[in-house]
Amino acid sequence: MAAAVPSAQTPEDFVLHPHPVVSLPVTGTDKRFPVHRIYCVGRNYAAHAVEMGHDPDKEPPFFFQKNPDNLVVESDRFPYPDATTDVHHEIELVVALAKGGTDIPLDQALDTVYGYAVGLDMTRRDLQGQAKKQGRPWEVGKAFEHSAPCGPISPVAETGHLDQGEISLIVNGERRQEGDLNQLIWKVPETIAYLSGLFELAPGDLIFTGTPAGVGPVVRGDVMVGHIEGLGDLKVQVT
């Protein structure tokens, strides 16, 4: 278990000025959701697994991480990143946890959920592809600055648990990605239960649950509008 941090600490107690807590707005309130970690599920829609060259029927879930400060919060801008010429969009349902733990039983997994949001897992596909070929981690392709635009958290009390409904992404008026949340290979409770067997989940964790088929490149000036039924839209311009 992590050591407790003395509650009386101030910025003057550190050798460097501590970074502020990254947080997301919560719909219907002026409170905010503090972000602890970001977990992402890879290839969690069958059609997307196929378009990436994999067999969805033979793979257990796998995960990678982004950093809390990769989030784009309360901004409609995604700065095109350095060191790449092939940045792809991936629209995703984001799950925000109010409780954590290890080895969470499947029938208790939804009890950990605080709410849901619309997110984008922006990917430097060329750098990710190089990492795959070399058997290296994906961070250079996934965990770069501004790589996780995310809308506000909608509490479960407002939305209920989302297990079906449209998920889509439109770029410059053209529908690029479209699916239904019921097409998730590993559903939200299954993902939480499985992930908690690998990590100790904590309040404030976010889980990006995977993207449907249709991922593709964006360029500067493109406008992306992500939609999840029951949550509304996330509009982001590539700058």
C-alpha atoms as a PDB file:
ATOM      1  CA  MET A   1       0.000   0.000   0.000  1.00  0.00           C
ATOM      2  CA  ALA A   2       1.281   3.470  -0.866  1.00  0.00           C
ATOM      3  CA  ALA A   3       2.625   5.552   1.990  1.00  0.00           C
ATOM      4  CA  ALA A   4       0.311   8.266   3.258  1.00  0.00           C
ATOM      5  CA  VAL A   5       1.156  11.857   2.353  1.00  0.00           C
ATOM      6  CA  PRO A   6       1.100  14.291   5.301  1.00  0.00           C
ATOM      7  CA  SER A   7      -1.983  16.444   4.936  1.00  0.00           C
ATOM      8  CA  ALA A   8      -0.250  19.611   6.132  1.00  0.00           C
ATOM      9  CA  GLN A   9       2.198  19.790   3.236  1.00  0.00           C
ATOM     10  CA  THR A  10       2.389  23.039   1.281  1.00  0.00           C
ATOM     11  CA  PRO A  11       4.250  23.910  -1.944  1.00  0.00           C
ATOM     12  CA  GLU A  12       7.094  25.233   0.195  1.00  0.00           C
ATOM     13  CA  ASP A  13       7.732  21.686   1.489  1.00  0.00           C
ATOM     14  CA  PHE A  14       8.885  20.472  -1.958  1.00  0.00           C
ATOM     15  CA  VAL A  15      12.170  21.010  -3.796  1.00  0.00           C
ATOM     16  CA  LEU A  16      10.123  21.705  -6.934  1.00  0.00           C
ATOM     17  CA  HIS A  17       6.707  23.289  -7.237  1.00  0.00           C
ATOM     18  CA  PRO A  18       4.214  20.368  -7.334  1.00  0.00           C
ATOM     19  CA  HIS A  19       2.009  19.950 -10.368  1.00  0.00           C
ATOM     20  CA  PRO A  20      -1.668  20.782  -9.893  1.00  0.00           C
ATOM     21  CA  VAL A  21      -4.228  17.987  -9.682  1.00  0.00           C
ATOM     22  CA  VAL A  22      -5.623  17.163 -13.122  1.00  0.00           C
ATOM     23  CA  SER A  23      -9.413  17.121 -13.018  1.00  0.00           C
ATOM     24  CA  LEU A  24     -12.462  16.969 -15.249  1.00  0.00           C
ATOM     25  CA  PRO A  25     -15.707  18.922 -14.850  1.00  0.00           C
ATOM     26  CA  VAL A  26     -18.797  17.047 -13.667  1.00  0.00           C
ATOM     27  CA  THR A  27     -22.089  17.774 -15.380  1.00  0.00           C
ATOM     28  CA  GLY A  28     -24.795  19.334 -13.230  1.00  0.00           C
ATOM     29  CA  THR A  29     -22.406  20.576 -10.535  1.00  0.00           C
ATOM     30  CA  ASP A  30     -19.502  22.933  -9.946  1.00  0.00           C
ATOM     31  CA  LYS A  31     -17.489  20.069  -8.420  1.00  0.00           C
ATOM     32  CA  ARG A  32     -14.663  18.398 -10.319  1.00  0.00           C
ATOM     33  CA  PHE A  33     -13.466  14.818 -10.770  1.00  0.00           C
ATOM     34  CA  PRO A  34      -9.771  14.399  -9.791  1.00  0.00           C
ATOM     35  CA  VAL A  35      -7.914  12.057 -12.151  1.00  0.00           C
ATOM     36  CA  HIS A  36      -5.585   9.419 -10.698  1.00  0.00           C
ATOM     37  CA  ARG A  37      -4.556   7.113 -13.577  1.00  0.00           C
ATOM     38  CA  ILE A  38      -5.698   6.493 -17.149  1.00  0.00           C
ATOM     39  CA  TYR A  39      -6.026   2.923 -18.412  1.00  0.00           C
ATOM     40  CA  CYS A  40      -6.876   2.168 -22.044  1.00  0.00           C
ATOM     41  CA  VAL A  41      -8.233  -1.081 -23.491  1.00  0.00           C
ATOM     42  CA  GLY A  42      -6.754  -2.113 -26.827  1.00  0.00           C
ATOM     43  CA  ARG A  43      -8.811  -3.540 -29.708  1.00  0.00           C
ATOM     44  CA  ASN A  44     -12.057  -3.904 -27.759  1.00  0.00           C
ATOM     45  CA  TYR A  45     -14.461  -3.801 -30.749  1.00  0.00           C
ATOM     46  CA  ALA A  46     -14.391  -6.792 -33.091  1.00  0.00           C
ATOM     47  CA  ALA A  47     -14.454  -4.770 -36.317  1.00  0.00           C
ATOM     48  CA  HIS A  48     -11.597  -2.564 -35.117  1.00  0.00           C
ATOM     49  CA  ALA A  49      -9.542  -5.616 -34.125  1.00  0.00           C
ATOM     50  CA  VAL A  50     -10.034  -6.985 -37.640  1.00  0.00           C
ATOM     51  CA  GLU A  51      -9.074  -3.693 -39.331  1.00  0.00           C
ATOM     52  CA  MET A  52      -5.864  -3.699 -37.255  1.00  0.00           C
ATOM     53  CA  GLY A  53      -5.075  -7.222 -38.434  1.00  0.00           C
ATOM     54  CA  HIS A  54      -6.077  -9.265 -35.375  1.00  0.00           C
ATOM     55  CA  ASP A  55      -8.588 -11.988 -34.511  1.00  0.00           C
ATOM     56  CA  PRO A  56     -10.932 -10.664 -31.788  1.00  0.00           C
ATOM     57  CA  ASP A  57     -12.091 -14.152 -30.850  1.00  0.00           C
ATOM     58  CA  LYS A  58      -8.670 -15.280 -29.635  1.00  0.00           C
ATOM     59  CA  GLU A  59      -7.416 -12.357 -27.554  1.00  0.00           C
ATOM     60  CA  PRO A  60      -7.854 -11.644 -23.843  1.00  0.00           C
ATOM     61  CA  PRO A  61      -8.068  -7.932 -23.035  1.00  0.00           C
ATOM     62  CA  PHE A  62      -4.837  -5.970 -22.938  1.00  0.00           C
ATOM     63  CA  PHE A  63      -4.127  -2.516 -21.604  1.00  0.00           C
ATOM     64  CA  PHE A  64      -1.836   0.465 -22.007  1.00  0.00           C
ATOM     65  CA  GLN A  65      -1.740   3.742 -20.112  1.00  0.00           C
ATOM     66  CA  LYS A  66      -1.839   7.437 -20.739  1.00  0.00           C
ATOM     67  CA  ASN A  67      -0.887  10.064 -18.174  1.00  0.00           C
ATOM     68  CA  PRO A  68      -3.394  12.341 -16.438  1.00  0.00           C
ATOM     69  CA  ASP A  69      -1.683  15.405 -17.894  1.00  0.00           C
ATOM     70  CA  ASN A  70      -2.248  13.996 -21.418  1.00  0.00           C
ATOM     71  CA  LEU A  71      -5.906  14.994 -21.006  1.00  0.00           C
ATOM     72  CA  VAL A  72      -7.258  17.918 -22.984  1.00  0.00           C
ATOM     73  CA  VAL A  73      -9.722  19.434 -20.518  1.00  0.00           C
ATOM     74  CA  GLU A  74     -12.292  22.113 -21.301  1.00  0.00           C
ATOM     75  CA  SER A  75     -10.663  22.988 -24.609  1.00  0.00           C
ATOM     76  CA  ASP A  76     -11.751  22.458 -28.200  1.00  0.00           C
ATOM     77  CA  ARG A  77      -8.173  22.347 -29.523  1.00  0.00           C
ATOM     78  CA  PHE A  78      -5.904  19.387 -30.249  1.00  0.00           C
ATOM     79  CA  PRO A  79      -2.408  20.599 -31.173  1.00  0.00           C
ATOM     80  CA  TYR A  80      -0.940  18.376 -33.898  1.00  0.00           C
ATOM     81  CA  PRO A  81       2.002  16.664 -32.168  1.00  0.00           C
ATOM     82  CA  ASP A  82       5.667  16.622 -33.112  1.00  0.00           C
ATOM     83  CA  ALA A  83       7.651  13.684 -34.533  1.00  0.00           C
ATOM     84  CA  THR A  84       4.782  12.267 -36.582  1.00  0.00           C
ATOM     85  CA  THR A  85       3.020  12.553 -39.931  1.00  0.00           C
ATOM     86  CA  ASP A  86       0.200  10.091 -39.193  1.00  0.00           C
ATOM     87  CA  VAL A  87      -2.073  10.978 -36.269  1.00  0.00           C
ATOM     88  CA  HIS A  88      -5.277   8.943 -35.942  1.00  0.00           C
ATOM     89  CA  HIS A  89      -8.557   9.535 -34.123  1.00  0.00           C
ATOM     90  CA  GLU A  90     -10.140   6.890 -31.868  1.00  0.00           C
ATOM     91  CA  ILE A  91     -13.506   7.707 -30.276  1.00  0.00           C
ATOM     92  CA  GLU A  92     -14.099   5.972 -26.929  1.00  0.00           C
ATOM     93  CA  LEU A  93     -16.449   5.636 -23.979  1.00  0.00           C
ATOM     94  CA  VAL A  94     -14.593   6.719 -20.839  1.00  0.00           C
ATOM     95  CA  VAL A  95     -15.451   5.162 -17.466  1.00  0.00           C
ATOM     96  CA  ALA A  96     -14.669   7.172 -14.311  1.00  0.00           C
ATOM     97  CA  LEU A  97     -14.238   5.232 -11.065  1.00  0.00           C
ATOM     98  CA  ALA A  98     -15.417   6.371  -7.628  1.00  0.00           C
ATOM     99  CA  LYS A  99     -14.079   3.251  -5.879  1.00  0.00           C
ATOM    100  CA  GLY A 100     -11.102   0.983  -6.383  1.00  0.00           C
ATOM    101  CA  GLY A 101      -9.630  -2.266  -5.193  1.00  0.00           C
ATOM    102  CA  THR A 102      -8.065  -5.487  -6.412  1.00  0.00           C
ATOM    103  CA  ASP A 103      -9.755  -8.620  -7.742  1.00  0.00           C
ATOM    104  CA  ILE A 104     -13.129  -6.888  -7.880  1.00  0.00           C
ATOM    105  CA  PRO A 105     -15.903  -9.483  -8.431  1.00  0.00           C
ATOM    106  CA  LEU A 106     -17.733  -9.162 -11.720  1.00  0.00           C
ATOM    107  CA  ASP A 107     -21.105  -8.670 -10.011  1.00  0.00           C
ATOM    108  CA  GLN A 108     -19.686  -5.755  -7.975  1.00  0.00           C
ATOM    109  CA  ALA A 109     -17.725  -4.049 -10.739  1.00  0.00           C
ATOM    110  CA  LEU A 110     -20.382  -1.504 -11.724  1.00  0.00           C
ATOM    111  CA  ASP A 111     -20.575  -0.377  -8.085  1.00  0.00           C
ATOM    112  CA  THR A 112     -17.156   1.236  -8.571  1.00  0.00           C
ATOM    113  CA  VAL A 113     -18.323   3.502 -11.418  1.00  0.00           C
ATOM    114  CA  TYR A 114     -18.893   7.196 -10.758  1.00  0.00           C
ATOM    115  CA  GLY A 115     -19.830   8.181 -14.295  1.00  0.00           C
ATOM    116  CA  TYR A 116     -19.075   8.237 -18.006  1.00  0.00           C
ATOM    117  CA  ALA A 117     -17.606  10.621 -20.577  1.00  0.00           C
ATOM    118  CA  VAL A 118     -16.780  10.953 -24.273  1.00  0.00           C
ATOM    119  CA  GLY A 119     -13.074  10.681 -24.999  1.00  0.00           C
ATOM    120  CA  LEU A 120     -10.600  10.555 -27.870  1.00  0.00           C
ATOM    121  CA  ASP A 121      -7.538   8.318 -27.803  1.00  0.00           C
ATOM    122  CA  MET A 122      -5.357  10.254 -30.248  1.00  0.00           C
ATOM    123  CA  THR A 123      -2.558   8.090 -31.628  1.00  0.00           C
ATOM    124  CA  ARG A 124       0.722   8.735 -33.437  1.00  0.00           C
ATOM    125  CA  ARG A 125       0.088   5.691 -35.623  1.00  0.00           C
ATOM    126  CA  ASP A 126       3.452   5.739 -37.368  1.00  0.00           C
ATOM    127  CA  LEU A 127       5.328   5.728 -34.057  1.00  0.00           C
ATOM    128  CA  GLN A 128       3.005   3.083 -32.613  1.00  0.00           C
ATOM    129  CA  GLY A 129       3.602   0.932 -35.709  1.00  0.00           C
ATOM    130  CA  GLN A 130       7.365   1.213 -35.312  1.00  0.00           C
ATOM    131  CA  ALA A 131       7.085   0.232 -31.641  1.00  0.00           C
ATOM    132  CA  LYS A 132       4.989  -2.816 -32.520  1.00  0.00           C
ATOM    133  CA  LYS A 133       7.525  -4.018 -35.092  1.00  0.00           C
ATOM    134  CA  GLN A 134      10.356  -3.633 -32.590  1.00  0.00           C
ATOM    135  CA  GLY A 135       8.432  -5.230 -29.714  1.00  0.00           C
ATOM    136  CA  ARG A 136       8.596  -2.025 -27.679  1.00  0.00           C
ATOM    137  CA  PRO A 137       6.028  -0.248 -25.471  1.00  0.00           C
ATOM    138  CA  TRP A 138       3.473   2.041 -27.084  1.00  0.00           C
ATOM    139  CA  GLU A 139       3.948   5.191 -25.003  1.00  0.00           C
ATOM    140  CA  VAL A 140       5.554   7.217 -27.800  1.00  0.00           C
ATOM    141  CA  GLY A 141       2.488   6.538 -29.930  1.00  0.00           C
ATOM    142  CA  LYS A 142      -0.152   6.872 -27.238  1.00  0.00           C
ATOM    143  CA  ALA A 143       0.963   8.910 -24.215  1.00  0.00           C
ATOM    144  CA  PHE A 144       2.105  12.184 -25.774  1.00  0.00           C
ATOM    145  CA  GLU A 145       0.972  15.664 -24.798  1.00  0.00           C
ATOM    146  CA  HIS A 146      -2.709  16.462 -25.486  1.00  0.00           C
ATOM    147  CA  SER A 147      -3.362  12.866 -26.634  1.00  0.00           C
ATOM    148  CA  ALA A 148      -6.552  12.415 -24.598  1.00  0.00           C
ATOM    149  CA  PRO A 149      -9.267  15.011 -25.283  1.00  0.00           C
ATOM    150  CA  CYS A 150     -12.129  14.290 -22.891  1.00  0.00           C
ATOM    151  CA  GLY A 151     -15.543  15.742 -22.184  1.00  0.00           C
ATOM    152  CA  PRO A 152     -17.140  16.261 -18.764  1.00  0.00           C
ATOM    153  CA  ILE A 153     -18.021  13.339 -16.517  1.00  0.00           C
ATOM    154  CA  SER A 154     -21.740  12.553 -16.422  1.00  0.00           C
ATOM    155  CA  PRO A 155     -22.611  10.802 -13.129  1.00  0.00           C
ATOM    156  CA  VAL A 156     -24.328   7.422 -13.226  1.00  0.00           C
ATOM    157  CA  ALA A 157     -27.198   9.001 -11.301  1.00  0.00           C
ATOM    158  CA  GLU A 158     -27.956  11.012 -14.457  1.00  0.00           C
ATOM    159  CA  THR A 159     -27.161   8.549 -17.229  1.00  0.00           C
ATOM    160  CA  GLY A 160     -27.587   5.105 -15.713  1.00  0.00           C
ATOM    161  CA  HIS A 161     -25.034   2.515 -16.763  1.00  0.00           C
ATOM    162  CA  LEU A 162     -24.269   2.674 -20.465  1.00  0.00           C
ATOM    163  CA  ASP A 163     -24.231  -0.763 -22.074  1.00  0.00           C
ATOM    164  CA  GLN A 164     -25.759   0.116 -25.436  1.00  0.00           C
ATOM    165  CA  GLY A 165     -26.239   3.119 -27.671  1.00  0.00           C
ATOM    166  CA  GLU A 166     -24.549   4.821 -30.605  1.00  0.00           C
ATOM    167  CA  ILE A 167     -20.865   5.753 -30.506  1.00  0.00           C
ATOM    168  CA  SER A 168     -19.606   7.705 -33.517  1.00  0.00           C
ATOM    169  CA  LEU A 169     -17.076  10.207 -34.814  1.00  0.00           C
ATOM    170  CA  ILE A 170     -17.607  12.740 -37.572  1.00  0.00           C
ATOM    171  CA  VAL A 171     -14.657  14.578 -39.156  1.00  0.00           C
ATOM    172  CA  ASN A 172     -15.430  17.684 -41.238  1.00  0.00           C
ATOM    173  CA  GLY A 173     -19.017  16.511 -41.629  1.00  0.00           C
ATOM    174  CA  GLU A 174     -18.017  12.996 -42.767  1.00  0.00           C
ATOM    175  CA  ARG A 175     -18.920  10.030 -40.580  1.00  0.00           C
ATOM    176  CA  ARG A 176     -15.676   8.116 -39.979  1.00  0.00           C
ATOM    177  CA  GLN A 177     -16.458   5.830 -37.042  1.00  0.00           C
ATOM    178  CA  GLU A 178     -19.750   4.290 -35.996  1.00  0.00           C
ATOM    179  CA  GLY A 179     -20.742   1.476 -33.670  1.00  0.00           C
ATOM    180  CA  ASP A 180     -22.804   0.574 -30.654  1.00  0.00           C
ATOM    181  CA  LEU A 181     -21.636   0.191 -27.070  1.00  0.00           C
ATOM    182  CA  ASN A 182     -23.180  -3.282 -27.052  1.00  0.00           C
ATOM    183  CA  GLN A 183     -20.440  -4.294 -29.517  1.00  0.00           C
ATOM    184  CA  LEU A 184     -17.712  -4.017 -26.878  1.00  0.00           C
ATOM    185  CA  ILE A 185     -15.892  -7.363 -26.706  1.00  0.00           C
ATOM    186  CA  TRP A 186     -15.137  -6.868 -23.015  1.00  0.00           C
ATOM    187  CA  LYS A 187     -18.062  -5.036 -21.421  1.00  0.00           C
ATOM    188  CA  VAL A 188     -17.514  -2.367 -18.775  1.00  0.00           C
ATOM    189  CA  PRO A 189     -17.965  -4.651 -15.725  1.00  0.00           C
ATOM    190  CA  GLU A 190     -15.772  -7.354 -17.299  1.00  0.00           C
ATOM    191  CA  THR A 191     -13.071  -4.800 -18.063  1.00  0.00           C
ATOM    192  CA  ILE A 192     -13.083  -3.452 -14.503  1.00  0.00           C
ATOM    193  CA  ALA A 193     -12.986  -6.926 -12.971  1.00  0.00           C
ATOM    194  CA  TYR A 194     -10.153  -8.092 -15.247  1.00  0.00           C
ATOM    195  CA  LEU A 195      -8.128  -4.880 -14.857  1.00  0.00           C
ATOM    196  CA  SER A 196      -8.400  -5.052 -11.068  1.00  0.00           C
ATOM    197  CA  GLY A 197      -6.618  -8.399 -11.225  1.00  0.00           C
ATOM    198  CA  LEU A 198      -3.619  -6.656 -12.792  1.00  0.00           C
ATOM    199  CA  PHE A 199      -3.587  -3.329 -10.936  1.00  0.00           C
ATOM    200  CA  GLU A 200      -4.960  -1.915  -7.715  1.00  0.00           C
ATOM    201  CA  LEU A 201      -7.651   0.398  -9.036  1.00  0.00           C
ATOM    202  CA  ALA A 202      -8.336   3.628  -7.191  1.00  0.00           C
ATOM    203  CA  PRO A 203     -10.925   6.394  -6.985  1.00  0.00           C
ATOM    204  CA  GLY A 204     -10.192   8.857  -9.767  1.00  0.00           C
ATOM    205  CA  ASP A 205      -9.077   6.260 -12.305  1.00  0.00           C
ATOM    206  CA  LEU A 206     -10.313   6.600 -15.888  1.00  0.00           C
ATOM    207  CA  ILE A 207     -10.730   3.693 -18.296  1.00  0.00           C
ATOM    208  CA  PHE A 208     -10.841   4.381 -22.045  1.00  0.00           C
ATOM    209  CA  THR A 209     -12.796   1.332 -23.194  1.00  0.00           C
ATOM    210  CA  GLY A 210     -11.711   0.974 -26.832  1.00  0.00           C
ATOM    211  CA  THR A 211     -12.776   2.276 -30.226  1.00  0.00           C
ATOM    212  CA  PRO A 212     -15.024   1.002 -33.021  1.00  0.00           C
ATOM    213  CA  ALA A 213     -13.821   0.511 -36.601  1.00  0.00           C
ATOM    214  CA  GLY A 214     -13.033   3.413 -38.894  1.00  0.00           C
ATOM    215  CA  VAL A 215      -9.954   4.927 -37.275  1.00  0.00           C
ATOM    216  CA  GLY A 216      -8.031   7.179 -39.601  1.00  0.00           C
ATOM    217  CA  PRO A 217      -5.743  10.195 -39.947  1.00  0.00           C
ATOM    218  CA  VAL A 218      -6.428  13.830 -39.202  1.00  0.00           C
ATOM    219  CA  VAL A 219      -4.611  16.965 -40.339  1.00  0.00           C
ATOM    220  CA  ARG A 220      -4.458  20.523 -39.074  1.00  0.00           C
ATOM    221  CA  GLY A 221      -7.764  22.285 -39.496  1.00  0.00           C
ATOM    222  CA  ASP A 222      -9.907  19.140 -39.207  1.00  0.00           C
ATOM    223  CA  VAL A 223     -12.885  19.321 -36.857  1.00  0.00           C
ATOM    224  CA  MET A 224     -13.777  16.123 -34.984  1.00  0.00           C
ATOM    225  CA  VAL A 225     -17.165  15.632 -33.346  1.00  0.00           C
ATOM    226  CA  GLY A 226     -17.407  12.576 -31.127  1.00  0.00           C
ATOM    227  CA  HIS A 227     -20.828  11.390 -29.976  1.00  0.00           C
ATOM    228  CA  ILE A 228     -22.027   8.796 -27.472  1.00  0.00           C
ATOM    229  CA  GLU A 229     -25.746   8.330 -26.973  1.00  0.00           C
ATOM    230  CA  GLY A 230     -26.736   9.586 -23.533  1.00  0.00           C
ATOM    231  CA  LEU A 231     -23.624  11.740 -23.112  1.00  0.00           C
ATOM    232  CA  GLY A 232     -23.716  14.273 -25.928  1.00  0.00           C
ATOM    233  CA  ASP A 233     -20.882  15.500 -28.121  1.00  0.00           C
ATOM    234  CA  LEU A 234     -17.180  16.268 -27.822  1.00  0.00           C
ATOM    235  CA  LYS A 235     -16.022  18.768 -30.473  1.00  0.00           C
ATOM    236  CA  VAL A 236     -12.293  19.170 -31.068  1.00  0.00           C
ATOM    237  CA  GLN A 237     -10.338  20.992 -33.790  1.00  0.00           C
ATOM    238  CA  VAL A 238      -6.866  19.904 -34.882  1.00  0.00           C
ATOM    239  CA  THR A 239      -4.547  22.927 -34.719  1.00  0.00           C
END
